[in-house]
Protein backbone atom coordinates (compact mmCIF):
# COMPACT_ATOMS: atom_id res chain seq x y z
CA MET A 1 70.02 197.77 91.53
CA LYS A 2 71.44 196.17 94.69
CA VAL A 3 72.12 192.46 94.36
CA ALA A 4 73.47 189.58 96.39
CA VAL A 5 75.51 187.22 94.27
CA ASP A 6 75.63 183.48 94.59
CA THR A 7 78.96 181.70 94.48
CA ASN A 8 78.36 180.39 90.97
CA VAL A 9 78.13 183.96 89.66
CA LEU A 10 81.50 184.78 91.24
CA VAL A 11 83.00 181.60 89.79
CA ARG A 12 81.71 182.32 86.27
CA ALA A 13 83.17 185.83 86.39
CA ALA A 14 86.54 184.60 87.67
CA VAL A 15 87.00 181.39 85.70
CA ARG A 16 85.34 182.44 82.44
CA ASP A 17 84.78 178.84 81.35
CA ASP A 18 81.27 179.42 79.98
CA PRO A 19 81.20 182.42 77.62
CA GLU A 20 77.47 183.02 77.90
CA GLN A 21 77.32 182.79 81.70
CA THR A 22 80.55 184.78 82.01
CA GLU A 23 78.97 187.63 80.04
CA VAL A 24 75.85 187.61 82.21
CA ALA A 25 77.84 187.39 85.45
CA THR A 26 80.28 190.16 84.61
CA ARG A 27 77.50 192.41 83.32
CA ILE A 28 75.35 192.12 86.46
CA MET A 29 78.39 192.55 88.70
CA ALA A 30 79.58 195.65 86.84
CA ARG A 31 76.15 197.28 86.57
CA ALA A 32 74.98 196.66 90.12
CA GLU A 33 74.83 199.75 92.29
CA MET A 34 75.74 197.47 95.18
CA LEU A 35 77.04 193.93 95.05
CA ALA A 36 76.56 192.10 98.36
CA ILE A 37 78.96 189.19 98.81
CA ALA A 38 78.28 187.00 101.82
CA LEU A 39 81.26 185.48 103.60
CA SER A 40 79.81 182.04 102.97
CA SER A 41 79.96 182.79 99.24
CA LEU A 42 83.61 183.81 99.53
CA CYS A 43 84.38 180.59 101.42
CA GLU A 44 82.60 178.53 98.76
CA PHE A 45 84.37 180.55 96.04
CA VAL A 46 87.76 179.61 97.47
CA TRP A 47 86.75 175.96 97.79
CA VAL A 48 85.46 175.76 94.20
CA LEU A 49 88.49 177.51 92.72
CA ARG A 50 90.85 175.24 94.63
CA SER A 51 88.99 171.92 94.46
CA VAL A 52 87.27 172.06 91.09
CA TYR A 53 89.58 174.29 89.05
CA GLY A 54 92.91 173.56 90.75
CA TYR A 55 93.75 177.20 91.42
CA ARG A 56 96.58 177.81 93.86
CA ALA A 57 96.31 180.15 96.84
CA PRO A 58 98.02 183.20 95.26
CA ARG A 59 95.64 183.18 92.29
CA ILE A 60 92.63 182.73 94.56
CA ALA A 61 93.80 185.57 96.83
CA GLU A 62 94.22 187.80 93.78
CA ALA A 63 90.65 187.06 92.67
CA ILE A 64 89.28 187.93 96.11
CA ARG A 65 91.33 191.09 96.31
CA LEU A 66 89.98 192.20 92.92
CA LEU A 67 86.48 191.81 94.33
CA LEU A 68 87.31 193.71 97.51
CA VAL A 69 88.65 196.78 95.69
CA ALA A 70 85.55 197.17 93.54
CA ASP A 71 83.62 200.30 94.52
CA ASN A 72 80.27 198.54 94.47
CA VAL A 73 81.19 195.51 96.62
CA GLU A 74 79.87 195.20 100.15
CA THR A 75 81.10 192.42 102.39
CA ASN A 76 82.57 192.00 105.84
CA ARG A 77 85.97 193.25 104.70
CA GLN A 78 87.69 192.62 108.03
CA ALA A 79 86.62 188.98 108.02
CA ALA A 80 87.60 188.65 104.35
CA GLU A 81 91.02 190.14 105.15
CA ALA A 82 91.40 187.64 108.00
CA GLY A 83 90.63 184.85 105.54
CA LEU A 84 93.14 186.27 103.06
CA ALA A 85 95.80 186.49 105.77
CA MET A 86 95.25 182.82 106.53
CA LEU A 87 95.29 181.92 102.82
CA ASP A 88 98.49 183.93 102.27
CA ALA A 89 100.11 182.09 105.19
CA GLY A 90 99.34 178.71 103.60
CA GLY A 91 96.14 177.95 105.45
CA ASP A 92 92.47 177.80 104.66
CA PHE A 93 90.51 180.98 103.92
CA ALA A 94 87.45 179.68 105.78
CA ASP A 95 89.46 179.01 108.95
CA GLY A 96 90.60 182.63 108.97
CA VAL A 97 87.02 183.82 108.51
CA ILE A 98 85.71 181.48 111.21
CA ALA A 99 88.37 182.54 113.73
CA TYR A 100 87.72 186.22 113.00
CA GLU A 101 83.95 185.94 113.25
CA GLY A 102 84.27 183.90 116.42
CA ARG A 103 86.29 186.69 118.06
CA TRP A 104 83.81 189.26 116.74
CA LEU A 105 80.96 187.29 118.33
CA GLY A 106 82.79 187.23 121.66
CA ALA A 107 84.65 183.92 121.61
CA GLU A 108 87.88 183.75 123.56
CA MET A 109 89.33 180.76 121.75
CA PHE A 110 89.20 178.98 118.40
CA VAL A 111 88.92 175.19 118.73
CA SER A 112 89.23 172.54 116.05
CA PHE A 113 90.23 168.98 115.31
CA ASP A 114 92.35 170.40 112.46
CA LYS A 115 95.94 170.65 113.74
CA LYS A 116 97.12 172.90 110.93
CA ALA A 117 94.20 175.31 111.41
CA VAL A 118 94.89 175.57 115.14
CA GLU A 119 98.60 176.22 114.55
CA MET A 120 97.88 178.86 111.93
CA VAL A 121 95.26 180.64 114.04
CA ARG A 122 97.71 180.70 116.95
CA ALA A 123 100.42 182.08 114.66
CA GLN A 124 98.09 184.96 113.85
CA GLY A 125 97.78 185.85 117.51
CA THR A 126 94.50 184.21 118.45
CA ALA A 127 94.06 181.71 121.25
CA ALA A 128 93.40 178.29 119.77
CA ARG A 129 93.19 174.72 121.03
CA LEU A 130 93.40 171.40 119.26
CA LEU A 131 90.62 169.06 120.40
């Protein structure tokens, strides 16, 4: 079976705070022939782990990396790696994904009102401008 997982399934599998849902989530993830993880789900996953559960960046990055090495996981790995690079550097995973996807779509510059995001995107070698 090929499945696309919602963020709450990823959270249950990672956090394990509801034994019944954790069992269901881990079972479906392990048994799936293919597990499609949308970038939006990864961005939400990071936000939930950080904002709701108080996880710090290294623990969040570890959880994402565990997903990425699974044989049955399909995602935009290059965009996910860009998000992880940003997270590892102290920034926001979603900003890394957004900057990467923007370049992939043909953008020449990342723009934002977020000073830290602009500085971090620049530090990773992408043109960026603070609005």
